[in-house]
C-alpha cells in the first residue's frame, strides 16, 4: 500500500524519484533515487523511521501513506 500511495502522490506532485530523494536528503537522511525506485516497486522494505521522512517530503500524513486514512483533499 505504501509503495503505491507514494508513487501516485509523487507523480501527482510532478516530482521525479531523484527530486523526492533530494528533498529527503535535505532533511539529513541519505535516501537515493534507486532506493525510492525499489520502494515504489516493492523491492525494498521501508523501515518505520523512514515513513515520517517520506510523508514530510510529500506533505502528507504518514498514516495516509500506510493506507490507514482516506485520501487527502
Protein backbone atom coordinates (compact mmCIF):
# COMPACT_ATOMS: atom_id res chain seq x y z
CA UNK A 1 0.00 0.00 0.00
CA UNK A 2 2.73 2.47 0.95
CA UNK A 3 4.61 1.90 -2.30
CA UNK A 4 1.50 2.51 -4.43
CA UNK A 5 0.41 5.57 -2.45
CA UNK A 6 3.90 7.04 -2.51
CA UNK A 7 4.32 6.59 -6.27
CA UNK A 8 0.88 8.01 -7.10
CA UNK A 9 1.37 11.03 -4.85
CA UNK A 10 4.90 11.68 -6.12
CA UNK A 11 3.67 11.64 -9.70
CA UNK A 12 0.65 13.83 -8.92
CA UNK A 13 3.02 16.41 -7.41
CA UNK A 14 5.18 16.31 -10.53
CA UNK A 15 8.24 15.05 -8.67
CA UNK A 16 10.79 12.69 -10.13
CA UNK A 17 12.27 9.97 -7.96
CA UNK A 18 15.51 11.96 -7.91
CA UNK A 19 13.70 15.10 -6.71
CA UNK A 20 11.94 13.18 -3.93
CA UNK A 21 15.25 11.67 -2.85
CA UNK A 22 16.82 15.16 -2.80
CA UNK A 23 14.01 16.51 -0.58
CA UNK A 24 14.61 13.69 1.89
CA UNK A 25 18.38 14.21 1.75
CA UNK A 26 17.89 17.89 2.62
CA UNK A 27 16.31 16.67 5.86
CA UNK A 28 19.52 14.80 6.70
CA UNK A 29 18.67 11.25 5.65
CA UNK A 30 20.54 9.52 2.84
CA UNK A 31 17.92 8.02 0.55
CA UNK A 32 18.85 7.65 -3.10
CA UNK A 33 16.80 7.61 -6.30
CA UNK A 34 17.49 3.89 -6.50
CA UNK A 35 16.05 3.38 -3.01
CA UNK A 36 12.91 5.35 -3.99
CA UNK A 37 12.57 3.17 -7.09
CA UNK A 38 12.93 -0.02 -5.06
CA UNK A 39 10.32 1.19 -2.54
CA UNK A 40 7.87 2.03 -5.31
CA UNK A 41 8.30 -1.37 -6.96
CA UNK A 42 8.02 -3.23 -3.66
CA UNK A 43 11.61 -4.48 -3.70
CA UNK A 44 12.65 -2.53 -0.59
CA UNK A 45 11.06 -2.63 2.83
CA UNK A 46 10.54 0.81 4.36
CA UNK A 47 11.76 0.95 7.96
CA UNK A 48 9.41 2.68 10.38
CA UNK A 49 11.78 5.63 10.87
CA UNK A 50 11.65 6.45 7.13
CA UNK A 51 7.86 6.71 6.93
CA UNK A 52 7.70 10.19 8.52
CA UNK A 53 10.58 11.34 6.28
CA UNK A 54 8.71 10.22 3.16
CA UNK A 55 5.44 11.71 4.40
CA UNK A 56 7.10 15.03 5.24
CA UNK A 57 8.76 15.25 1.82
CA UNK A 58 5.42 14.53 0.15
CA UNK A 59 3.48 16.81 2.55
CA UNK A 60 1.03 14.13 3.63
CA UNK A 61 0.10 12.36 6.87
CA UNK A 62 2.19 9.22 7.47
CA UNK A 63 -1.00 7.26 8.14
CA UNK A 64 -2.23 8.10 4.64
CA UNK A 65 0.94 6.68 3.13
CA UNK A 66 0.25 3.46 5.01
CA UNK A 67 -3.33 3.36 3.73
CA UNK A 68 -4.81 3.93 7.18
CA UNK A 69 -6.50 7.26 6.38
CA UNK A 70 -8.69 8.39 3.47
CA UNK A 71 -7.18 10.19 0.51
CA UNK A 72 -6.06 13.74 1.40
CA UNK A 73 -8.00 16.69 -0.01
